[in-house]
Amino acid sequence: MDRIMKGHYQPGERIVELQVARELGTSQSPVREALRDLAAIGLVSIHSRKGARMRQPTSKELADISLVRSEIDALAATTAAPLMDEDVLDQLREAYAEMQRHHAGGDHLAVTQADARFHKIIATTSQNKAIEQVFDQLEPFARTFITLTMPKADVGSIIGEHGAILAALEDGDAALAAACARQHQLNVSALFRDHFDAEPAEASAP
């Protein structure tokens, strides 16, 4: 997972179990299990004769995930708002500050990590296991391809939208926090739709 998040594998690239096992100093079994887990959330595809490959999703597929996230994140914000305390708000402030700092420094991977932490804090604070479960299933898929998208698009305004979510949560305004969270993911959906140059299917084997 870490290698995929860090862009070690590009969309369409083959992932060789034996090679990965050797590089990590482990057997093929845990690598195979990890690839199956990644296939379950849509990050890789596994074919009986071709092995595993990093998925190359369509822009619509990516946009659709953020569309679903728009409602999940809105619900998380609504539920979490009355449960916020100063410690949680400080964690959100720190994650937002990290996003801004890393964006200024051009560290796209660190931006996506801070972004994921920001939204995860809200989902966890909601104390709703169903929200957390859906969030955990969707977030890694979108984050992986956001990392690849960021160098191609201006995401400064997208990052800045976290400030509006945070301000609403600081004010305890659940309705506004939900609206800001929803609009944020809708804007991410538009970013994928308009800027992510993806092919409609995985690359074929050489």
N, C-alpha and C. Protein backbone atom coordinates (compact mmCIF):
# COMPACT_ATOMS: atom_id res chain seq x y z
N MET A 1 0.83 -1.20 0.00
CA MET A 1 0.00 0.00 0.00
C MET A 1 0.86 1.25 0.00
N ASP A 2 1.89 1.29 0.86
CA ASP A 2 2.75 2.47 0.93
C ASP A 2 3.41 2.76 -0.41
N ARG A 3 3.86 1.72 -1.10
CA ARG A 3 4.51 1.92 -2.39
C ARG A 3 3.54 2.51 -3.40
N ILE A 4 2.31 2.05 -3.38
CA ILE A 4 1.32 2.56 -4.32
C ILE A 4 0.99 4.01 -3.99
N MET A 5 0.81 4.31 -2.71
CA MET A 5 0.51 5.68 -2.30
C MET A 5 1.63 6.64 -2.67
N LYS A 6 2.87 6.15 -2.65
CA LYS A 6 4.01 7.00 -2.94
C LYS A 6 4.32 7.09 -4.43
N GLY A 7 3.46 6.47 -5.25
CA GLY A 7 3.65 6.56 -6.69
C GLY A 7 4.74 5.66 -7.23
N HIS A 8 5.12 4.63 -6.44
CA HIS A 8 6.16 3.69 -6.89
C HIS A 8 5.70 2.96 -8.15
N TYR A 9 4.41 2.66 -8.21
CA TYR A 9 3.83 2.02 -9.39
C TYR A 9 2.91 2.99 -10.10
N GLN A 10 3.04 3.07 -11.40
CA GLN A 10 2.19 3.93 -12.19
C GLN A 10 0.99 3.16 -12.71
N PRO A 11 -0.11 3.86 -13.03
CA PRO A 11 -1.29 3.17 -13.57
C PRO A 11 -0.92 2.30 -14.77
N GLY A 12 -1.38 1.06 -14.74
CA GLY A 12 -1.10 0.12 -15.82
C GLY A 12 0.15 -0.71 -15.61
N GLU A 13 0.98 -0.34 -14.64
CA GLU A 13 2.24 -1.05 -14.43
C GLU A 13 2.01 -2.40 -13.75
N ARG A 14 2.76 -3.39 -14.20
CA ARG A 14 2.66 -4.73 -13.63
C ARG A 14 3.35 -4.78 -12.26
N ILE A 15 2.75 -5.50 -11.33
CA ILE A 15 3.33 -5.70 -10.00
C ILE A 15 3.66 -7.18 -9.86
N VAL A 16 4.95 -7.50 -9.81
CA VAL A 16 5.40 -8.89 -9.78
C VAL A 16 5.56 -9.36 -8.34
N GLU A 17 4.78 -10.35 -7.96
CA GLU A 17 4.79 -10.84 -6.58
C GLU A 17 6.19 -11.22 -6.10
N LEU A 18 6.88 -12.02 -6.90
CA LEU A 18 8.20 -12.51 -6.51
C LEU A 18 9.17 -11.36 -6.31
N GLN A 19 9.14 -10.41 -7.22
CA GLN A 19 10.04 -9.26 -7.14
C GLN A 19 9.76 -8.44 -5.89
N VAL A 20 8.48 -8.19 -5.62
CA VAL A 20 8.12 -7.42 -4.43
C VAL A 20 8.54 -8.15 -3.16
N ALA A 21 8.31 -9.47 -3.14
CA ALA A 21 8.69 -10.27 -1.97
C ALA A 21 10.20 -10.18 -1.71
N ARG A 22 10.98 -10.26 -2.78
CA ARG A 22 12.43 -10.18 -2.64
C ARG A 22 12.85 -8.80 -2.13
N GLU A 23 12.24 -7.77 -2.67
CA GLU A 23 12.60 -6.40 -2.26
C GLU A 23 12.22 -6.13 -0.81
N LEU A 24 11.15 -6.76 -0.35
CA LEU A 24 10.70 -6.54 1.02
C LEU A 24 11.25 -7.57 2.00
N GLY A 25 11.96 -8.57 1.46
CA GLY A 25 12.53 -9.60 2.32
C GLY A 25 11.49 -10.48 2.98
N THR A 26 10.46 -10.86 2.23
CA THR A 26 9.40 -11.69 2.77
C THR A 26 9.03 -12.77 1.76
N SER A 27 8.10 -13.63 2.14
CA SER A 27 7.63 -14.66 1.21
C SER A 27 6.56 -14.06 0.29
N GLN A 28 6.15 -14.83 -0.71
CA GLN A 28 5.14 -14.33 -1.64
C GLN A 28 3.74 -14.32 -1.03
N SER A 29 3.51 -15.15 -0.02
CA SER A 29 2.16 -15.26 0.55
C SER A 29 1.61 -13.94 1.07
N PRO A 30 2.35 -13.21 1.94
CA PRO A 30 1.80 -11.93 2.40
C PRO A 30 1.66 -10.91 1.28
N VAL A 31 2.53 -10.97 0.28
CA VAL A 31 2.42 -10.06 -0.86
C VAL A 31 1.15 -10.37 -1.63
N ARG A 32 0.90 -11.65 -1.84
CA ARG A 32 -0.31 -12.07 -2.57
C ARG A 32 -1.57 -11.63 -1.81
N GLU A 33 -1.54 -11.81 -0.49
CA GLU A 33 -2.69 -11.41 0.33
C GLU A 33 -2.91 -9.90 0.27
N ALA A 34 -1.81 -9.15 0.31
CA ALA A 34 -1.91 -7.69 0.24
C ALA A 34 -2.48 -7.24 -1.11
N LEU A 35 -2.05 -7.91 -2.18
CA LEU A 35 -2.57 -7.57 -3.51
C LEU A 35 -4.06 -7.86 -3.62
N ARG A 36 -4.50 -8.95 -2.99
CA ARG A 36 -5.93 -9.27 -2.99
C ARG A 36 -6.72 -8.20 -2.24
N ASP A 37 -6.16 -7.72 -1.13
CA ASP A 37 -6.82 -6.66 -0.37
C ASP A 37 -6.91 -5.38 -1.20
N LEU A 38 -5.83 -5.08 -1.93
CA LEU A 38 -5.80 -3.89 -2.77
C LEU A 38 -6.77 -4.02 -3.94
N ALA A 39 -6.91 -5.24 -4.45
CA ALA A 39 -7.86 -5.48 -5.54
C ALA A 39 -9.29 -5.28 -5.05
N ALA A 40 -9.54 -5.64 -3.79
CA ALA A 40 -10.87 -5.52 -3.22
C ALA A 40 -11.33 -4.07 -3.13
N ILE A 41 -10.38 -3.13 -2.97
CA ILE A 41 -10.76 -1.72 -2.90
C ILE A 41 -10.49 -1.01 -4.21
N GLY A 42 -10.11 -1.76 -5.24
CA GLY A 42 -10.02 -1.20 -6.58
C GLY A 42 -8.70 -0.57 -6.98
N LEU A 43 -7.65 -0.78 -6.17
CA LEU A 43 -6.36 -0.15 -6.50
C LEU A 43 -5.56 -0.97 -7.50
N VAL A 44 -5.71 -2.28 -7.49
CA VAL A 44 -5.02 -3.12 -8.46
C VAL A 44 -6.01 -4.08 -9.09
N SER A 45 -5.64 -4.62 -10.22
CA SER A 45 -6.44 -5.65 -10.87
C SER A 45 -5.58 -6.91 -10.95
N ILE A 46 -6.22 -8.05 -10.78
CA ILE A 46 -5.51 -9.33 -10.80
C ILE A 46 -6.12 -10.22 -11.87
N HIS A 47 -5.27 -10.71 -12.77
CA HIS A 47 -5.71 -11.62 -13.83
C HIS A 47 -4.96 -12.93 -13.70
N SER A 48 -5.65 -14.02 -13.97
CA SER A 48 -5.07 -15.35 -13.74
C SER A 48 -3.76 -15.57 -14.47
N ARG A 49 -3.62 -15.08 -15.68
CA ARG A 49 -2.41 -15.32 -16.46
C ARG A 49 -1.47 -14.11 -16.50
N LYS A 50 -2.00 -12.92 -16.28
CA LYS A 50 -1.20 -11.71 -16.40
C LYS A 50 -0.69 -11.19 -15.06
N GLY A 51 -1.19 -11.75 -13.97
CA GLY A 51 -0.76 -11.29 -12.65
C GLY A 51 -1.45 -10.00 -12.25
N ALA A 52 -0.80 -9.24 -11.37
CA ALA A 52 -1.39 -8.01 -10.84
C ALA A 52 -0.85 -6.78 -11.55
N ARG A 53 -1.72 -5.80 -11.70
CA ARG A 53 -1.33 -4.53 -12.29
C ARG A 53 -1.99 -3.40 -11.52
N MET A 54 -1.28 -2.29 -11.45
CA MET A 54 -1.85 -1.08 -10.91
C MET A 54 -3.01 -0.65 -11.81
N ARG A 55 -4.15 -0.40 -11.22
CA ARG A 55 -5.31 -0.04 -12.04
C ARG A 55 -5.15 1.34 -12.65
N GLN A 56 -5.74 1.49 -13.81
CA GLN A 56 -5.77 2.79 -14.48
C GLN A 56 -7.24 3.15 -14.68
N PRO A 57 -7.85 3.80 -13.69
CA PRO A 57 -9.29 4.07 -13.75
C PRO A 57 -9.63 5.19 -14.73
N THR A 58 -10.88 5.26 -15.11
CA THR A 58 -11.35 6.36 -15.93
C THR A 58 -11.55 7.59 -15.06
N SER A 59 -11.56 8.74 -15.68
CA SER A 59 -11.83 9.97 -14.94
C SER A 59 -13.22 9.93 -14.32
N LYS A 60 -14.18 9.30 -15.01
CA LYS A 60 -15.54 9.20 -14.46
C LYS A 60 -15.56 8.35 -13.20
N GLU A 61 -14.82 7.26 -13.20
CA GLU A 61 -14.77 6.40 -12.03
C GLU A 61 -14.24 7.17 -10.83
N LEU A 62 -13.19 7.94 -11.03
CA LEU A 62 -12.62 8.74 -9.95
C LEU A 62 -13.60 9.82 -9.50
N ALA A 63 -14.25 10.46 -10.46
CA ALA A 63 -15.21 11.51 -10.13
C ALA A 63 -16.39 10.92 -9.35
N ASP A 64 -16.81 9.72 -9.71
CA ASP A 64 -17.94 9.08 -9.04
C ASP A 64 -17.62 8.78 -7.58
N ILE A 65 -16.38 8.39 -7.31
CA ILE A 65 -16.00 8.09 -5.93
C ILE A 65 -16.09 9.36 -5.08
N SER A 66 -15.61 10.47 -5.59
CA SER A 66 -15.69 11.72 -4.84
C SER A 66 -17.14 12.19 -4.71
N LEU A 67 -17.97 11.84 -5.66
CA LEU A 67 -19.40 12.17 -5.56
C LEU A 67 -20.02 11.44 -4.36
N VAL A 68 -19.69 10.16 -4.23
CA VAL A 68 -20.17 9.39 -3.07
C VAL A 68 -19.56 9.96 -1.78
N ARG A 69 -18.26 10.29 -1.84
CA ARG A 69 -17.60 10.87 -0.68
C ARG A 69 -18.27 12.17 -0.25
N SER A 70 -18.85 12.91 -1.18
CA SER A 70 -19.47 14.19 -0.82
C SER A 70 -20.58 13.99 0.20
N GLU A 71 -21.34 12.90 0.08
CA GLU A 71 -22.41 12.63 1.03
C GLU A 71 -21.88 11.99 2.32
N ILE A 72 -20.89 11.12 2.18
CA ILE A 72 -20.29 10.51 3.36
C ILE A 72 -19.62 11.56 4.23
N ASP A 73 -18.85 12.44 3.61
CA ASP A 73 -18.14 13.48 4.36
C ASP A 73 -19.11 14.49 4.97
N ALA A 74 -20.19 14.78 4.26
CA ALA A 74 -21.20 15.69 4.81
C ALA A 74 -21.85 15.08 6.05
N LEU A 75 -22.17 13.81 5.97
CA LEU A 75 -22.77 13.12 7.11
C LEU A 75 -21.79 13.05 8.27
N ALA A 76 -20.53 12.79 7.97
CA ALA A 76 -19.51 12.73 9.01
C ALA A 76 -19.39 14.08 9.72
N ALA A 77 -19.39 15.16 8.95
CA ALA A 77 -19.28 16.50 9.53
C ALA A 77 -20.49 16.83 10.39
N THR A 78 -21.68 16.46 9.90
CA THR A 78 -22.91 16.70 10.66
C THR A 78 -22.87 15.99 12.01
N THR A 79 -22.45 14.74 11.98
CA THR A 79 -22.43 13.91 13.19
C THR A 79 -21.30 14.30 14.13
N ALA A 80 -20.16 14.70 13.55
CA ALA A 80 -18.99 14.99 14.37
C ALA A 80 -19.04 16.38 15.00
N ALA A 81 -19.72 17.33 14.37
CA ALA A 81 -19.70 18.72 14.82
C ALA A 81 -20.01 18.89 16.32
N PRO A 82 -21.08 18.27 16.84
CA PRO A 82 -21.37 18.46 18.27
C PRO A 82 -20.43 17.69 19.20
N LEU A 83 -19.58 16.83 18.62
CA LEU A 83 -18.67 16.02 19.43
C LEU A 83 -17.24 16.57 19.42
N MET A 84 -17.04 17.67 18.73
CA MET A 84 -15.70 18.26 18.64
C MET A 84 -15.27 18.84 19.98
N ASP A 85 -14.00 18.64 20.33
CA ASP A 85 -13.41 19.33 21.47
C ASP A 85 -12.13 20.02 20.99
N GLU A 86 -11.48 20.75 21.87
CA GLU A 86 -10.34 21.54 21.46
C GLU A 86 -9.18 20.67 20.98
N ASP A 87 -9.04 19.49 21.56
CA ASP A 87 -7.96 18.59 21.15
C ASP A 87 -8.16 18.13 19.70
N VAL A 88 -9.38 17.76 19.37
CA VAL A 88 -9.68 17.33 18.00
C VAL A 88 -9.53 18.50 17.03
N LEU A 89 -10.00 19.66 17.42
CA LEU A 89 -9.86 20.83 16.55
C LEU A 89 -8.39 21.16 16.32
N ASP A 90 -7.56 21.00 17.34
CA ASP A 90 -6.12 21.23 17.18
C ASP A 90 -5.53 20.25 16.17
N GLN A 91 -5.99 19.00 16.20
CA GLN A 91 -5.51 18.02 15.23
C GLN A 91 -5.89 18.42 13.81
N LEU A 92 -7.12 18.92 13.65
CA LEU A 92 -7.57 19.38 12.34
C LEU A 92 -6.77 20.60 11.88
N ARG A 93 -6.51 21.52 12.80
CA ARG A 93 -5.71 22.70 12.46
C ARG A 93 -4.31 22.29 12.00
N GLU A 94 -3.74 21.34 12.71
CA GLU A 94 -2.39 20.88 12.35
C GLU A 94 -2.38 20.22 10.98
N ALA A 95 -3.37 19.37 10.70
CA ALA A 95 -3.45 18.70 9.39
C ALA A 95 -3.63 19.72 8.27
N TYR A 96 -4.47 20.72 8.51
CA TYR A 96 -4.70 21.76 7.50
C TYR A 96 -3.43 22.57 7.25
N ALA A 97 -2.74 22.92 8.33
CA ALA A 97 -1.48 23.67 8.20
C ALA A 97 -0.45 22.86 7.42
N GLU A 98 -0.41 21.55 7.66
CA GLU A 98 0.52 20.69 6.94
C GLU A 98 0.20 20.67 5.45
N MET A 99 -1.09 20.59 5.12
CA MET A 99 -1.49 20.61 3.71
C MET A 99 -0.96 21.86 3.03
N GLN A 100 -1.17 22.99 3.66
CA GLN A 100 -0.73 24.27 3.07
C GLN A 100 0.79 24.32 2.93
N ARG A 101 1.48 23.87 3.98
CA ARG A 101 2.94 23.92 3.97
C ARG A 101 3.53 23.01 2.90
N HIS A 102 3.02 21.80 2.81
CA HIS A 102 3.54 20.85 1.84
C HIS A 102 3.16 21.23 0.40
N HIS A 103 1.99 21.86 0.25
CA HIS A 103 1.61 22.32 -1.09
C HIS A 103 2.57 23.40 -1.56
N ALA A 104 2.92 24.31 -0.65
CA ALA A 104 3.86 25.37 -0.98
C ALA A 104 5.23 24.80 -1.33
N GLY A 105 5.58 23.68 -0.69
CA GLY A 105 6.87 23.05 -0.95
C GLY A 105 6.86 22.05 -2.09
N GLY A 106 5.69 21.82 -2.69
CA GLY A 106 5.60 20.91 -3.83
C GLY A 106 5.65 19.44 -3.48
N ASP A 107 5.40 19.10 -2.21
CA ASP A 107 5.40 17.69 -1.79
C ASP A 107 3.98 17.15 -1.88
N HIS A 108 3.62 16.64 -3.05
CA HIS A 108 2.24 16.21 -3.30
C HIS A 108 1.83 15.02 -2.44
N LEU A 109 2.74 14.09 -2.22
CA LEU A 109 2.42 12.93 -1.40
C LEU A 109 2.08 13.37 0.02
N ALA A 110 2.89 14.27 0.59
CA ALA A 110 2.65 14.74 1.96
C ALA A 110 1.33 15.50 2.04
N VAL A 111 0.97 16.23 0.98
CA VAL A 111 -0.31 16.93 0.96
C VAL A 111 -1.45 15.92 1.08
N THR A 112 -1.40 14.87 0.27
CA THR A 112 -2.49 13.89 0.29
C THR A 112 -2.55 13.15 1.63
N GLN A 113 -1.41 12.92 2.25
CA GLN A 113 -1.40 12.27 3.56
C GLN A 113 -2.06 13.15 4.61
N ALA A 114 -1.73 14.44 4.59
CA ALA A 114 -2.34 15.37 5.54
C ALA A 114 -3.83 15.52 5.26
N ASP A 115 -4.19 15.53 3.99
CA ASP A 115 -5.60 15.62 3.59
C ASP A 115 -6.37 14.41 4.12
N ALA A 116 -5.81 13.23 3.94
CA ALA A 116 -6.47 12.01 4.41
C ALA A 116 -6.64 12.05 5.92
N ARG A 117 -5.62 12.54 6.63
CA ARG A 117 -5.70 12.61 8.09
C ARG A 117 -6.80 13.59 8.53
N PHE A 118 -6.91 14.72 7.84
CA PHE A 118 -7.94 15.71 8.16
C PHE A 118 -9.33 15.09 8.10
N HIS A 119 -9.62 14.42 7.00
CA HIS A 119 -10.96 13.84 6.82
C HIS A 119 -11.17 12.62 7.72
N LYS A 120 -10.11 11.87 7.96
CA LYS A 120 -10.21 10.71 8.84
C LYS A 120 -10.55 11.14 10.27
N ILE A 121 -9.97 12.24 10.72
CA ILE A 121 -10.26 12.75 12.07
C ILE A 121 -11.74 13.05 12.20
N ILE A 122 -12.32 13.67 11.19
CA ILE A 122 -13.75 13.99 11.23
C ILE A 122 -14.59 12.71 11.24
N ALA A 123 -14.22 11.76 10.37
CA ALA A 123 -14.97 10.50 10.32
C ALA A 123 -14.89 9.76 11.64
N THR A 124 -13.73 9.73 12.25
CA THR A 124 -13.56 9.04 13.53
C THR A 124 -14.32 9.74 14.64
N THR A 125 -14.29 11.07 14.64
CA THR A 125 -14.98 11.84 15.68
C THR A 125 -16.49 11.66 15.60
N SER A 126 -16.99 11.30 14.44
CA SER A 126 -18.43 11.07 14.30
C SER A 126 -18.92 9.92 15.17
N GLN A 127 -18.01 9.02 15.55
CA GLN A 127 -18.33 7.85 16.37
C GLN A 127 -19.39 6.97 15.70
N ASN A 128 -19.36 6.98 14.37
CA ASN A 128 -20.28 6.17 13.58
C ASN A 128 -19.44 5.17 12.79
N LYS A 129 -19.49 3.92 13.16
CA LYS A 129 -18.64 2.90 12.54
C LYS A 129 -18.96 2.70 11.06
N ALA A 130 -20.21 2.89 10.69
CA ALA A 130 -20.57 2.73 9.28
C ALA A 130 -19.92 3.82 8.43
N ILE A 131 -19.91 5.05 8.96
CA ILE A 131 -19.24 6.15 8.25
C ILE A 131 -17.76 5.84 8.11
N GLU A 132 -17.13 5.40 9.19
CA GLU A 132 -15.71 5.09 9.16
C GLU A 132 -15.41 3.97 8.17
N GLN A 133 -16.27 2.97 8.13
CA GLN A 133 -16.03 1.83 7.25
C GLN A 133 -16.09 2.24 5.78
N VAL A 134 -17.11 3.01 5.42
CA VAL A 134 -17.22 3.45 4.02
C VAL A 134 -16.08 4.40 3.68
N PHE A 135 -15.76 5.29 4.60
CA PHE A 135 -14.64 6.22 4.37
C PHE A 135 -13.34 5.46 4.13
N ASP A 136 -13.06 4.47 4.97
CA ASP A 136 -11.82 3.70 4.85
C ASP A 136 -11.76 2.92 3.54
N GLN A 137 -12.91 2.56 3.01
CA GLN A 137 -12.93 1.81 1.75
C GLN A 137 -12.69 2.72 0.55
N LEU A 138 -13.23 3.92 0.59
CA LEU A 138 -13.15 4.82 -0.56
C LEU A 138 -11.89 5.69 -0.57
N GLU A 139 -11.44 6.09 0.60
CA GLU A 139 -10.36 7.08 0.68
C GLU A 139 -9.04 6.65 0.03
N PRO A 140 -8.54 5.43 0.28
CA PRO A 140 -7.25 5.07 -0.32
C PRO A 140 -7.26 5.11 -1.85
N PHE A 141 -8.38 4.71 -2.45
CA PHE A 141 -8.48 4.69 -3.91
C PHE A 141 -8.33 6.10 -4.47
N ALA A 142 -9.14 7.03 -3.94
CA ALA A 142 -9.08 8.39 -4.45
C ALA A 142 -7.73 9.04 -4.15
N ARG A 143 -7.20 8.81 -2.95
CA ARG A 143 -5.94 9.47 -2.56
C ARG A 143 -4.79 9.04 -3.47
N THR A 144 -4.76 7.77 -3.86
CA THR A 144 -3.70 7.28 -4.73
C THR A 144 -3.65 8.07 -6.03
N PHE A 145 -4.81 8.31 -6.62
CA PHE A 145 -4.83 8.98 -7.92
C PHE A 145 -4.83 10.49 -7.80
N ILE A 146 -5.20 11.02 -6.63
CA ILE A 146 -5.02 12.45 -6.40
C ILE A 146 -3.53 12.77 -6.43
N THR A 147 -2.71 11.88 -5.87
CA THR A 147 -1.26 12.09 -5.87
C THR A 147 -0.73 12.24 -7.29
N LEU A 148 -1.29 11.46 -8.21
CA LEU A 148 -0.86 11.54 -9.61
C LEU A 148 -1.47 12.74 -10.32
N THR A 149 -2.63 13.19 -9.87
CA THR A 149 -3.33 14.29 -10.51
C THR A 149 -2.75 15.63 -10.13
N MET A 150 -2.31 15.77 -8.88
CA MET A 150 -1.94 17.08 -8.36
C MET A 150 -0.92 17.84 -9.19
N PRO A 151 0.13 17.18 -9.71
CA PRO A 151 1.09 17.95 -10.52
C PRO A 151 0.48 18.51 -11.80
N LYS A 152 -0.68 17.98 -12.22
CA LYS A 152 -1.28 18.38 -13.48
C LYS A 152 -2.32 19.49 -13.32
N ALA A 153 -2.72 19.80 -12.09
CA ALA A 153 -3.82 20.73 -11.90
C ALA A 153 -3.53 21.69 -10.75
N ASP A 154 -4.21 22.83 -10.79
CA ASP A 154 -4.10 23.81 -9.70
C ASP A 154 -5.05 23.40 -8.58
N VAL A 155 -4.49 22.91 -7.48
CA VAL A 155 -5.32 22.41 -6.39
C VAL A 155 -5.28 23.34 -5.17
N GLY A 156 -4.71 24.53 -5.34
CA GLY A 156 -4.62 25.45 -4.22
C GLY A 156 -5.97 25.76 -3.61
N SER A 157 -6.98 26.02 -4.46
CA SER A 157 -8.31 26.34 -3.95
C SER A 157 -8.95 25.14 -3.28
N ILE A 158 -8.68 23.94 -3.82
CA ILE A 158 -9.21 22.71 -3.22
C ILE A 158 -8.65 22.55 -1.81
N ILE A 159 -7.37 22.78 -1.65
CA ILE A 159 -6.75 22.67 -0.33
C ILE A 159 -7.34 23.73 0.61
N GLY A 160 -7.53 24.95 0.10
CA GLY A 160 -8.07 26.02 0.92
C GLY A 160 -9.46 25.75 1.44
N GLU A 161 -10.22 24.89 0.76
CA GLU A 161 -11.58 24.57 1.19
C GLU A 161 -11.62 23.89 2.56
N HIS A 162 -10.51 23.26 2.94
CA HIS A 162 -10.47 22.64 4.26
C HIS A 162 -10.59 23.69 5.36
N GLY A 163 -10.15 24.92 5.06
CA GLY A 163 -10.26 26.00 6.04
C GLY A 163 -11.70 26.32 6.36
N ALA A 164 -12.57 26.27 5.36
CA ALA A 164 -13.99 26.56 5.57
C ALA A 164 -14.64 25.45 6.40
N ILE A 165 -14.26 24.21 6.13
CA ILE A 165 -14.78 23.09 6.92
C ILE A 165 -14.36 23.25 8.37
N LEU A 166 -13.08 23.55 8.57
CA LEU A 166 -12.55 23.71 9.92
C LEU A 166 -13.24 24.87 10.64
N ALA A 167 -13.42 25.99 9.97
CA ALA A 167 -14.05 27.15 10.61
C ALA A 167 -15.47 26.82 11.06
N ALA A 168 -16.21 26.10 10.24
CA ALA A 168 -17.58 25.72 10.60
C ALA A 168 -17.58 24.79 11.81
N LEU A 169 -16.63 23.87 11.86
CA LEU A 169 -16.54 22.97 13.00
C LEU A 169 -16.13 23.72 14.25
N GLU A 170 -15.25 24.70 14.11
CA GLU A 170 -14.84 25.52 15.26
C GLU A 170 -16.04 26.29 15.83
N ASP A 171 -16.94 26.69 14.95
CA ASP A 171 -18.14 27.42 15.37
C ASP A 171 -19.25 26.49 15.84
N GLY A 172 -19.04 25.17 15.69
CA GLY A 172 -20.08 24.22 16.07
C GLY A 172 -21.28 24.23 15.15
N ASP A 173 -21.10 24.73 13.92
CA ASP A 173 -22.19 24.84 12.95
C ASP A 173 -22.22 23.57 12.09
N ALA A 174 -23.01 22.60 12.51
CA ALA A 174 -23.05 21.30 11.83
C ALA A 174 -23.55 21.43 10.39
N ALA A 175 -24.57 22.25 10.17
CA ALA A 175 -25.14 22.38 8.83
C ALA A 175 -24.13 23.00 7.87
N LEU A 176 -23.43 24.03 8.33
CA LEU A 176 -22.44 24.66 7.46
C LEU A 176 -21.25 23.75 7.22
N ALA A 177 -20.82 23.03 8.26
CA ALA A 177 -19.70 22.09 8.10
C ALA A 177 -20.05 21.03 7.07
N ALA A 178 -21.28 20.53 7.13
CA ALA A 178 -21.72 19.52 6.17
C ALA A 178 -21.75 20.08 4.76
N ALA A 179 -22.26 21.31 4.63
CA ALA A 179 -22.33 21.94 3.30
C ALA A 179 -20.94 22.15 2.71
N CYS A 180 -20.01 22.60 3.56
CA CYS A 180 -18.64 22.82 3.09
C CYS A 180 -17.96 21.51 2.72
N ALA A 181 -18.17 20.47 3.54
CA ALA A 181 -17.57 19.17 3.26
C ALA A 181 -18.13 18.58 1.97
N ARG A 182 -19.44 18.74 1.77
CA ARG A 182 -20.06 18.22 0.56
C ARG A 182 -19.53 18.94 -0.68
N GLN A 183 -19.48 20.27 -0.63
CA GLN A 183 -19.01 21.03 -1.78
C GLN A 183 -17.55 20.75 -2.08
N HIS A 184 -16.76 20.54 -1.03
CA HIS A 184 -15.35 20.22 -1.22
C HIS A 184 -15.19 18.96 -2.06
N GLN A 185 -15.90 17.91 -1.71
CA GLN A 185 -15.78 16.66 -2.47
C GLN A 185 -16.38 16.78 -3.86
N LEU A 186 -17.40 17.59 -4.02
CA LEU A 186 -17.95 17.82 -5.36
C LEU A 186 -16.91 18.53 -6.24
N ASN A 187 -16.15 19.43 -5.64
CA ASN A 187 -15.09 20.11 -6.38
C ASN A 187 -13.94 19.16 -6.72
N VAL A 188 -13.64 18.22 -5.80
CA VAL A 188 -12.64 17.20 -6.09
C VAL A 188 -13.13 16.32 -7.24
N SER A 189 -14.43 16.00 -7.22
CA SER A 189 -15.02 15.21 -8.31
C SER A 189 -14.84 15.92 -9.64
N ALA A 190 -15.07 17.23 -9.64
CA ALA A 190 -14.90 18.00 -10.88
C ALA A 190 -13.44 18.04 -11.30
N LEU A 191 -12.54 18.09 -10.33
CA LEU A 191 -11.11 18.07 -10.63
C LEU A 191 -10.73 16.79 -11.37
N PHE A 192 -11.20 15.67 -10.85
CA PHE A 192 -10.94 14.40 -11.52
C PHE A 192 -11.54 14.39 -12.92
N ARG A 193 -12.77 14.82 -13.02
CA ARG A 193 -13.48 14.77 -14.30
C ARG A 193 -12.79 15.64 -15.36
N ASP A 194 -12.28 16.79 -14.93
CA ASP A 194 -11.75 17.76 -15.89
C ASP A 194 -10.26 17.66 -16.14
N HIS A 195 -9.51 17.11 -15.18
CA HIS A 195 -8.05 17.18 -15.27
C HIS A 195 -7.32 15.85 -15.29
N PHE A 196 -7.96 14.78 -14.84
CA PHE A 196 -7.23 13.52 -14.77
C PHE A 196 -7.31 12.81 -16.11
N ASP A 197 -6.17 12.66 -16.75
CA ASP A 197 -6.08 12.06 -18.08
C ASP A 197 -5.90 10.57 -17.95
N ALA A 198 -7.02 9.81 -17.92
CA ALA A 198 -6.93 8.36 -17.72
C ALA A 198 -7.56 7.63 -18.89
N GLU A 199 -7.01 6.46 -19.15
CA GLU A 199 -7.56 5.60 -20.18
C GLU A 199 -8.73 4.80 -19.61
N PRO A 200 -9.66 4.32 -20.44
CA PRO A 200 -10.83 3.62 -19.96
C PRO A 200 -10.57 2.23 -19.45
N ALA A 201 -9.38 1.69 -19.62
CA ALA A 201 -9.12 0.33 -19.18
C ALA A 201 -7.67 0.18 -18.81
N GLU A 202 -7.38 -0.93 -18.07
CA GLU A 202 -6.00 -1.19 -17.69
C GLU A 202 -5.15 -1.45 -18.92
N ALA A 203 -3.89 -1.11 -18.82
CA ALA A 203 -2.99 -1.38 -19.94
C ALA A 203 -2.84 -2.87 -20.14
N SER A 204 -2.66 -3.28 -21.37
CA SER A 204 -2.54 -4.70 -21.66
C SER A 204 -1.11 -5.16 -21.39
N ALA A 205 -0.98 -6.45 -21.22
CA ALA A 205 0.35 -7.00 -20.92
C ALA A 205 1.24 -6.89 -22.15
N PRO A 206 2.53 -6.68 -21.95
CA PRO A 206 3.44 -6.59 -23.09
C PRO A 206 3.57 -7.94 -23.80
